[in-house]
Amino acid sequence: MATAPAHWRVIALFFLHAVAIGAVQTRIADLQLLNGLSPAQLGIVLMGQPLGALPMFLVSSAIIERFGPRRVMLWFMPVVIVSSALAGIFLNPVALFILLMINGVGFSLTNVAINVEADRLEFAGGRRIMNTCHGVWSVGFLVTALLGAVMRGLDISPAWHLGLLAPLVIGALLLVVLPMPVSVPRPHTGGPVRRLALPTLATLGLVAFGLGAGLTEGASRAWAIIYLRDNFAVAAWVQSLALPALVAAMAVCRLCADRVIDRFGQVQVARILSATAIAGLVLVVFAPNAWIGIFAFALVGVGICVLYPLMLSAAARLSDRPASQNVSSVTMVFQLVNLGAPVLIGAVAEGFGVRMAFALLIPLLVLTFIMAGRLSGRSA
C-alpha cells in the first residue's frame, strides 16, 4: 500500500506545479502590452512553450524510467519557475519566446513525471487519486490566479510579482521533494522502455477524447483575461476574475470527482461533462456582459474539469508498455497540436475577435463527447 506521506507529498507537488506553471499565465495580458504585441504576434510568441515541450515528450519516458519521477521533478521544476520569473524581466518578444521554450522543456518533463508518480501511488494504494491530484493542481492554479488578480489590481509589475514568487516556490519544492521515497513502477506486459515514446492506436484514440478539453483549458488560461479586456469596459481586477472562475470550478469538481466516477462510471460522467463544456463555450461566445462571461468560464471549468486526467489515467492503465510511455505519448500529441493552436487562435482573435476564437473549440468538445467510450478500453 502507498504510504500516507507519499500520498500527500505527490498531492503537494501537483499544487506547486500549478503555481509554477500558472504564475506567468496570469500576466500574459500585461506581457502582451509591455512587449507591444498584437493578438496575432502574441499567438506566435506563445508557440514557444509547445516548441520547447514537444521534443522532450519524445524522450521523457526514457528519462523518467532512468532517473525516476522524483529526480526529474527536483531538477526541472526550478527550470519552469526561473524561466517564468525572467519573462517579466526581459521585455522583448524574442526573449519571451525563448523563455517560453525553456519553460516548455521543464513543463513537459515535470508534467509527465507528476502524473506517472500519481499513477504509481494509485496502483500501489489500490484506490483512485488522480482526479484528486488534478483537483489540488486546480487549487494551486486558483491561488496563483487570485494572486495575479491582486498584483494587477495593485499595479505591481510582472517583474516584481514573478521574481518574488520564484524563491518561495523553489524553497517549498525542496521541502516536499527531498524526503520523497522512490516509487515502484506499475507492471506492464511490454518489453523494455524504448528511447522514443511514439503514439499507438490506443493512445491516439484517447487523445481524440481529451484534445478538446486540453485545448479549451489552455486557451482559457491564456485568453480569458484578454477576452474580458477586449469585449467589456471593466476594471483590470474584474478582467482577472475570469481565470479564477474557471479554475475554481475545475478545482471543486475535481476534488469531488473520484467518488462520482466510482458511482456512475467514467464514460457517463465524461459525456455529461463534455456537454456542459460545450454549453459553457457557447455562452462565452454570446455573453452580453462581463459577469455572464465570467460565469460562462466557470461553466466551462465544470465541463472540462476531469476530462484531461481521465485521459491520462486511461493511458497509464494500458498494459502494452510502461505507463510513462503512454502518458508521454498522449501529452506529446497534445503539444504537437498546441504548436499551431496559439497561432490559429491569435489570428482568429485579431481578424474576428476573441469570441470567435473560442467558438473554434466547440467542435473539438463535440469530438470529446463522441469518443468518451475510449475510456473503457484497455489497449490496441
Protein backbone atom coordinates (compact mmCIF):
# COMPACT_ATOMS: atom_id res chain seq x y z
CA MET A 1 0.00 0.00 0.00
CA ALA A 2 1.16 3.55 -0.69
CA THR A 3 2.13 5.36 2.49
CA ALA A 4 0.24 8.45 3.60
CA PRO A 5 3.34 10.70 3.46
CA ALA A 6 3.98 9.67 -0.16
CA HIS A 7 0.31 10.25 -0.98
CA TRP A 8 0.30 13.79 0.42
CA ARG A 9 3.69 14.68 -0.99
CA VAL A 10 2.61 13.96 -4.56
CA ILE A 11 -0.58 15.98 -3.95
CA ALA A 12 1.58 18.86 -2.69
CA LEU A 13 3.69 18.54 -5.85
CA PHE A 14 0.62 18.99 -8.02
CA PHE A 15 -0.14 22.19 -6.09
CA LEU A 16 3.40 23.55 -6.54
CA HIS A 17 3.46 22.55 -10.20
CA ALA A 18 0.31 24.59 -10.80
CA VAL A 19 1.76 27.62 -9.02
CA ALA A 20 4.96 27.32 -11.07
CA ILE A 21 3.15 26.92 -14.40
CA GLY A 22 0.32 29.36 -13.74
CA ALA A 23 2.21 32.39 -12.46
CA VAL A 24 3.35 33.65 -15.85
CA GLN A 25 -0.03 32.87 -17.44
CA THR A 26 -1.78 35.26 -15.04
CA ARG A 27 0.34 38.06 -16.54
CA ILE A 28 0.06 37.20 -20.26
CA ALA A 29 -2.23 40.19 -20.88
CA ASP A 30 0.34 42.52 -19.27
CA LEU A 31 3.30 40.92 -21.03
CA GLN A 32 1.44 41.39 -24.32
CA LEU A 33 1.21 45.15 -23.72
CA LEU A 34 4.72 45.50 -22.27
CA ASN A 35 6.19 43.76 -25.32
CA GLY A 36 3.96 45.66 -27.78
CA LEU A 37 2.39 42.53 -29.29
CA SER A 38 -0.77 42.31 -31.39
CA PRO A 39 -3.06 39.29 -30.81
CA ALA A 40 -1.53 37.50 -33.83
CA GLN A 41 2.02 38.27 -32.67
CA LEU A 42 1.14 37.06 -29.17
CA GLY A 43 -0.10 33.81 -30.69
CA ILE A 44 3.29 33.33 -32.39
CA VAL A 45 5.20 34.08 -29.18
CA LEU A 46 3.01 31.62 -27.23
CA MET A 47 4.18 28.91 -29.63
CA GLY A 48 7.46 28.97 -27.71
CA GLN A 49 6.17 26.75 -24.93
CA PRO A 50 4.92 23.86 -27.10
CA LEU A 51 8.03 24.16 -29.29
CA GLY A 52 10.18 23.60 -26.23
CA ALA A 53 7.97 20.86 -24.83
CA LEU A 54 7.39 18.78 -27.96
CA PRO A 55 10.83 17.19 -28.42
CA MET A 56 11.12 16.49 -24.69
CA PHE A 57 7.89 14.48 -24.68
CA LEU A 58 9.53 12.06 -27.12
CA VAL A 59 12.29 11.24 -24.62
CA SER A 60 10.58 12.00 -21.31
CA SER A 61 9.62 8.36 -20.70
CA ALA A 62 13.21 7.17 -21.07
CA ILE A 63 14.43 9.96 -18.77
CA ILE A 64 11.80 9.23 -16.12
CA GLU A 65 12.36 5.47 -16.22
CA ARG A 66 16.12 6.03 -15.95
CA PHE A 67 16.20 8.62 -13.15
CA GLY A 68 12.74 8.32 -11.57
CA PRO A 69 9.97 10.94 -11.22
CA ARG A 70 11.47 12.33 -8.01
CA ARG A 71 14.77 13.40 -9.59
CA VAL A 72 13.05 14.76 -12.70
CA MET A 73 10.81 16.96 -10.58
CA LEU A 74 13.72 18.10 -8.44
CA TRP A 75 15.83 19.03 -11.46
CA PHE A 76 13.30 20.53 -13.85
CA MET A 77 10.63 22.30 -11.80
CA PRO A 78 13.18 25.04 -10.97
CA VAL A 79 13.61 25.46 -14.75
CA VAL A 80 9.89 26.24 -15.03
CA ILE A 81 9.98 28.63 -12.06
CA VAL A 82 13.08 30.60 -13.09
CA SER A 83 12.08 30.93 -16.76
CA SER A 84 8.70 32.33 -15.67
CA ALA A 85 10.41 34.88 -13.42
CA LEU A 86 12.75 36.01 -16.19
CA ALA A 87 9.80 36.52 -18.57
CA GLY A 88 8.80 39.55 -16.52
CA ILE A 89 12.32 40.99 -16.60
CA PHE A 90 13.48 40.61 -20.21
CA LEU A 91 10.80 42.60 -22.02
CA ASN A 92 11.49 41.62 -25.60
CA PRO A 93 9.33 39.42 -27.86
CA VAL A 94 12.28 37.23 -28.88
CA ALA A 95 13.40 36.85 -25.25
CA LEU A 96 9.84 35.96 -24.22
CA PHE A 97 9.65 33.35 -26.98
CA ILE A 98 12.96 31.76 -25.88
CA LEU A 99 12.00 31.79 -22.20
CA LEU A 100 8.68 30.12 -23.03
CA MET A 101 10.63 27.46 -24.94
CA ILE A 102 12.78 26.80 -21.87
CA ASN A 103 9.63 26.82 -19.76
CA GLY A 104 8.18 24.20 -22.11
CA VAL A 105 11.16 21.89 -21.61
CA GLY A 106 10.66 21.95 -17.85
CA PHE A 107 6.89 21.70 -18.17
CA SER A 108 6.97 18.61 -20.39
CA LEU A 109 9.25 16.58 -18.14
CA THR A 110 7.61 17.59 -14.85
CA ASN A 111 4.09 17.18 -16.23
CA VAL A 112 4.74 13.57 -17.21
CA ALA A 113 6.71 12.91 -14.00
CA ILE A 114 4.00 14.02 -11.56
CA ASN A 115 1.29 12.10 -13.42
CA VAL A 116 3.42 8.94 -13.52
CA GLU A 117 4.13 9.35 -9.80
CA ALA A 118 0.41 9.75 -9.06
CA ASP A 119 -0.40 6.66 -11.14
CA ARG A 120 2.24 4.63 -9.29
CA LEU A 121 0.77 5.60 -5.93
CA GLU A 122 -2.74 4.99 -7.24
CA PHE A 123 -1.73 1.46 -8.27
CA ALA A 124 0.21 0.77 -5.07
CA GLY A 125 -2.59 2.08 -2.84
CA GLY A 126 -5.41 0.38 -4.72
CA ARG A 127 -7.61 3.49 -4.86
CA ARG A 128 -8.22 6.34 -7.31
CA ILE A 129 -6.29 9.56 -6.53
CA MET A 130 -5.54 11.02 -9.99
CA ASN A 131 -8.57 13.32 -10.10
CA THR A 132 -7.89 14.48 -6.54
CA CYS A 133 -4.32 15.31 -7.56
CA HIS A 134 -5.58 17.30 -10.53
CA GLY A 135 -8.12 18.95 -8.25
CA VAL A 136 -5.33 20.13 -6.00
CA TRP A 137 -3.47 21.26 -9.15
CA SER A 138 -6.50 23.41 -9.94
CA VAL A 139 -6.49 24.78 -6.38
CA GLY A 140 -2.84 25.74 -6.88
CA PHE A 141 -3.68 27.42 -10.16
CA LEU A 142 -6.59 29.21 -8.48
CA VAL A 143 -4.25 30.51 -5.79
CA THR A 144 -1.78 31.83 -8.35
CA ALA A 145 -4.62 33.26 -10.47
CA LEU A 146 -6.05 35.15 -7.49
CA LEU A 147 -2.57 36.36 -6.60
CA GLY A 148 -2.18 37.58 -10.18
CA ALA A 149 -5.50 39.42 -9.92
CA VAL A 150 -4.34 41.13 -6.72
CA MET A 151 -0.99 42.06 -8.29
CA ARG A 152 -2.72 43.50 -11.35
CA GLY A 153 -5.19 45.40 -9.15
CA LEU A 154 -2.29 46.90 -7.16
CA ASP A 155 -0.46 47.72 -10.42
CA ILE A 156 2.57 45.62 -9.42
CA SER A 157 4.73 44.78 -12.43
CA PRO A 158 5.20 41.20 -13.68
CA ALA A 159 8.91 41.51 -12.88
CA TRP A 160 8.29 42.06 -9.16
CA HIS A 161 5.39 39.61 -8.99
CA LEU A 162 7.15 36.69 -10.72
CA GLY A 163 10.58 37.49 -9.31
CA LEU A 164 9.49 37.45 -5.67
CA LEU A 165 7.41 34.30 -6.15
CA ALA A 166 10.27 32.22 -7.59
CA PRO A 167 12.42 31.65 -4.45
CA LEU A 168 9.32 30.89 -2.35
CA VAL A 169 8.15 28.14 -4.72
CA ILE A 170 11.64 26.66 -5.10
CA GLY A 171 12.01 26.52 -1.31
CA ALA A 172 8.66 24.75 -0.94
CA LEU A 173 9.63 22.35 -3.73
CA LEU A 174 12.78 21.29 -1.89
CA LEU A 175 10.82 20.70 1.32
CA VAL A 176 8.39 18.40 -0.49
CA VAL A 177 10.66 16.51 -2.89
CA LEU A 178 13.88 15.87 -0.95
CA PRO A 179 12.27 13.50 1.61
CA MET A 180 10.18 11.64 -1.04
CA PRO A 181 10.67 7.85 -1.22
CA VAL A 182 11.39 6.16 -4.55
CA SER A 183 8.15 4.84 -6.07
CA VAL A 184 7.67 1.41 -7.68
CA PRO A 185 6.69 1.41 -11.40
CA ARG A 186 3.34 -0.06 -12.48
CA PRO A 187 3.91 -3.52 -14.08
CA HIS A 188 3.33 -3.99 -17.80
CA THR A 189 3.41 -6.76 -20.41
CA GLY A 190 5.57 -4.94 -22.94
CA GLY A 191 9.31 -5.11 -23.46
CA PRO A 192 12.00 -2.69 -22.27
CA VAL A 193 11.50 1.07 -22.42
CA ARG A 194 12.12 2.49 -25.87
CA ARG A 195 14.02 5.72 -26.35
CA LEU A 196 11.13 7.45 -28.12
CA ALA A 197 7.57 7.41 -26.74
CA LEU A 198 5.72 7.24 -30.07
CA PRO A 199 1.90 7.15 -30.05
CA THR A 200 -0.07 3.96 -30.66
CA LEU A 201 -3.62 3.48 -31.93
CA ALA A 202 -4.81 3.19 -28.33
CA THR A 203 -3.19 6.44 -27.24
CA LEU A 204 -4.36 8.28 -30.37
CA GLY A 205 -7.93 7.27 -29.54
CA LEU A 206 -7.52 8.69 -26.05
CA VAL A 207 -6.05 11.90 -27.48
CA ALA A 208 -9.13 12.29 -29.69
CA PHE A 209 -11.18 12.13 -26.49
CA GLY A 210 -9.09 14.56 -24.42
CA LEU A 211 -7.99 17.04 -27.07
CA GLY A 212 -10.97 19.39 -26.78
CA ALA A 213 -10.66 19.69 -23.00
CA GLY A 214 -6.91 20.26 -23.11
CA LEU A 215 -7.09 22.96 -25.76
CA THR A 216 -10.07 24.63 -24.11
CA GLU A 217 -8.26 24.78 -20.77
CA GLY A 218 -5.07 26.12 -22.37
CA ALA A 219 -6.93 28.71 -24.46
CA SER A 220 -8.98 29.84 -21.46
CA ARG A 221 -5.89 30.25 -19.27
CA ALA A 222 -4.13 32.33 -21.94
CA TRP A 223 -7.05 34.32 -23.39
CA ALA A 224 -9.81 34.59 -20.76
CA ILE A 225 -8.47 37.85 -19.28
CA ILE A 226 -7.88 39.25 -22.78
CA TYR A 227 -11.45 38.23 -23.72
CA LEU A 228 -12.91 40.37 -20.92
CA ARG A 229 -10.46 43.21 -21.54
CA ASP A 230 -11.28 43.45 -25.24
CA ASN A 231 -15.05 42.94 -25.05
CA PHE A 232 -16.19 44.77 -21.93
CA ALA A 233 -15.32 48.09 -20.29
CA VAL A 234 -14.50 46.79 -16.81
CA ALA A 235 -11.66 47.31 -14.33
CA ALA A 236 -8.48 45.24 -14.51
CA TRP A 237 -9.38 43.29 -11.37
CA VAL A 238 -12.73 42.31 -12.89
CA GLN A 239 -10.95 41.18 -16.06
CA SER A 240 -8.73 38.96 -13.92
CA LEU A 241 -11.72 37.18 -12.34
CA ALA A 242 -12.36 35.06 -15.45
CA LEU A 243 -9.34 32.89 -14.74
CA PRO A 244 -10.13 32.24 -11.05
CA ALA A 245 -13.74 31.45 -12.01
CA LEU A 246 -12.58 28.80 -14.47
CA VAL A 247 -10.00 27.29 -12.13
CA ALA A 248 -12.18 27.39 -9.00
CA ALA A 249 -14.91 25.46 -10.79
CA MET A 250 -12.36 22.93 -12.02
CA ALA A 251 -10.83 22.57 -8.56
CA VAL A 252 -14.10 21.96 -6.70
CA CYS A 253 -15.36 19.46 -9.26
CA ARG A 254 -12.05 17.59 -9.48
CA LEU A 255 -11.86 17.19 -5.70
CA CYS A 256 -15.31 15.57 -5.73
CA ALA A 257 -14.86 13.63 -8.98
CA ASP A 258 -13.31 10.36 -7.79
CA ARG A 259 -16.40 9.42 -5.77
CA VAL A 260 -18.77 10.46 -8.57
CA ILE A 261 -16.83 8.47 -11.19
CA ASP A 262 -16.75 5.39 -8.96
CA ARG A 263 -20.55 5.58 -8.66
CA PHE A 264 -21.65 6.47 -12.19
CA GLY A 265 -18.74 5.32 -14.37
CA GLN A 266 -16.17 7.34 -16.27
CA VAL A 267 -17.86 7.15 -19.70
CA GLN A 268 -21.21 8.52 -18.48
CA VAL A 269 -19.53 11.25 -16.42
CA ALA A 270 -17.31 12.22 -19.37
CA ARG A 271 -20.29 12.63 -21.70
CA ILE A 272 -22.29 14.75 -19.25
CA LEU A 273 -19.29 16.98 -18.57
CA SER A 274 -18.34 17.43 -22.24
CA ALA A 275 -21.92 18.55 -22.96
CA THR A 276 -21.62 21.03 -20.08
CA ALA A 277 -18.35 22.39 -21.51
CA ILE A 278 -19.98 22.87 -24.92
CA ALA A 279 -22.79 24.88 -23.28
CA GLY A 280 -20.22 26.99 -21.44
CA LEU A 281 -18.29 27.84 -24.61
CA VAL A 282 -21.50 28.78 -26.42
CA LEU A 283 -22.21 31.18 -23.55
CA VAL A 284 -18.67 32.59 -23.80
CA VAL A 285 -19.27 33.35 -27.48
CA PHE A 286 -22.59 35.12 -26.87
CA ALA A 287 -22.15 36.63 -23.37
CA PRO A 288 -23.76 40.13 -23.26
CA ASN A 289 -21.74 41.41 -20.31
CA ALA A 290 -18.61 40.70 -18.28
CA TRP A 291 -20.34 38.94 -15.38
CA ILE A 292 -22.11 36.46 -17.64
CA GLY A 293 -18.75 35.96 -19.40
CA ILE A 294 -17.15 35.13 -16.05
CA PHE A 295 -20.00 32.70 -15.26
CA ALA A 296 -19.51 31.13 -18.70
CA PHE A 297 -15.85 30.39 -17.93
CA ALA A 298 -16.92 28.83 -14.62
CA LEU A 299 -19.33 26.60 -16.56
CA VAL A 300 -16.53 25.67 -18.94
CA GLY A 301 -14.41 24.79 -15.90
CA VAL A 302 -17.10 22.42 -14.61
CA GLY A 303 -17.33 20.78 -18.02
CA ILE A 304 -13.63 20.15 -18.64
CA CYS A 305 -12.67 19.50 -15.01
CA VAL A 306 -11.74 15.82 -15.20
CA LEU A 307 -11.64 15.10 -18.94
CA TYR A 308 -7.87 15.53 -19.18
CA PRO A 309 -6.99 13.48 -16.03
CA LEU A 310 -9.43 10.77 -17.19
CA MET A 311 -7.46 10.55 -20.42
CA LEU A 312 -4.14 10.34 -18.56
CA SER A 313 -5.42 7.64 -16.20
CA ALA A 314 -6.73 5.61 -19.12
CA ALA A 315 -3.36 5.94 -20.87
CA ALA A 316 -1.46 4.84 -17.77
CA ARG A 317 -3.72 1.79 -17.39
CA LEU A 318 -2.89 0.49 -20.87
CA SER A 319 -0.73 -2.56 -20.25
CA ASP A 320 1.03 -2.78 -23.61
CA ARG A 321 4.12 -0.83 -22.40
CA PRO A 322 5.33 1.21 -19.39
CA ALA A 323 2.81 3.76 -18.11
CA SER A 324 5.34 6.57 -18.59
CA GLN A 325 5.49 5.86 -22.33
CA ASN A 326 1.73 6.00 -22.82
CA VAL A 327 1.41 9.15 -20.68
CA SER A 328 4.31 10.71 -22.61
CA SER A 329 2.84 9.83 -26.00
CA VAL A 330 -0.61 11.32 -25.31
CA THR A 331 0.89 14.51 -23.89
CA MET A 332 3.29 14.71 -26.84
CA VAL A 333 0.43 14.63 -29.34
CA PHE A 334 -1.27 17.33 -27.27
CA GLN A 335 1.77 19.55 -27.57
CA LEU A 336 2.01 18.86 -31.30
CA VAL A 337 -1.50 20.24 -31.70
CA ASN A 338 -0.72 23.05 -29.27
CA LEU A 339 2.14 24.07 -31.53
CA GLY A 340 -0.27 25.53 -34.06
CA ALA A 341 -3.21 26.30 -31.77
CA PRO A 342 -1.89 29.62 -30.35
CA VAL A 343 -1.21 30.98 -33.84
CA LEU A 344 -4.63 29.91 -35.11
CA ILE A 345 -6.43 31.36 -32.06
CA GLY A 346 -4.37 34.55 -32.25
CA ALA A 347 -5.07 35.01 -35.95
CA VAL A 348 -8.80 34.44 -35.50
CA ALA A 349 -8.84 36.77 -32.47
CA GLU A 350 -7.17 39.54 -34.48
CA GLY A 351 -9.38 39.10 -37.52
CA PHE A 352 -12.73 38.23 -35.97
CA GLY A 353 -12.38 38.80 -32.21
CA VAL A 354 -11.64 36.57 -29.22
CA ARG A 355 -15.25 35.33 -29.12
CA MET A 356 -14.87 33.60 -32.48
CA ALA A 357 -11.52 32.17 -31.39
CA PHE A 358 -13.31 30.37 -28.54
CA ALA A 359 -16.03 29.24 -30.94
CA LEU A 360 -13.37 27.23 -32.81
CA LEU A 361 -13.06 24.93 -29.79
CA ILE A 362 -16.69 23.79 -29.76
CA PRO A 363 -16.30 21.09 -32.49
CA LEU A 364 -13.38 19.58 -30.56
CA LEU A 365 -15.55 19.19 -27.47
CA VAL A 366 -18.19 17.53 -29.64
CA LEU A 367 -15.46 15.05 -30.61
CA THR A 368 -14.76 14.53 -26.89
CA PHE A 369 -18.42 13.61 -26.36
CA ILE A 370 -18.30 11.13 -29.24
CA MET A 371 -15.00 9.50 -28.17
CA ALA A 372 -15.82 9.09 -24.47
CA GLY A 373 -16.25 5.34 -24.98
CA ARG A 374 -12.47 5.02 -25.45
CA LEU A 375 -12.07 5.42 -21.68
CA SER A 376 -13.39 1.90 -21.12
CA GLY A 377 -10.81 0.26 -23.40
CA ARG A 378 -7.55 -1.33 -22.34
CA SER A 379 -5.07 -1.33 -25.24
CA ALA A 380 -4.94 -1.64 -29.01
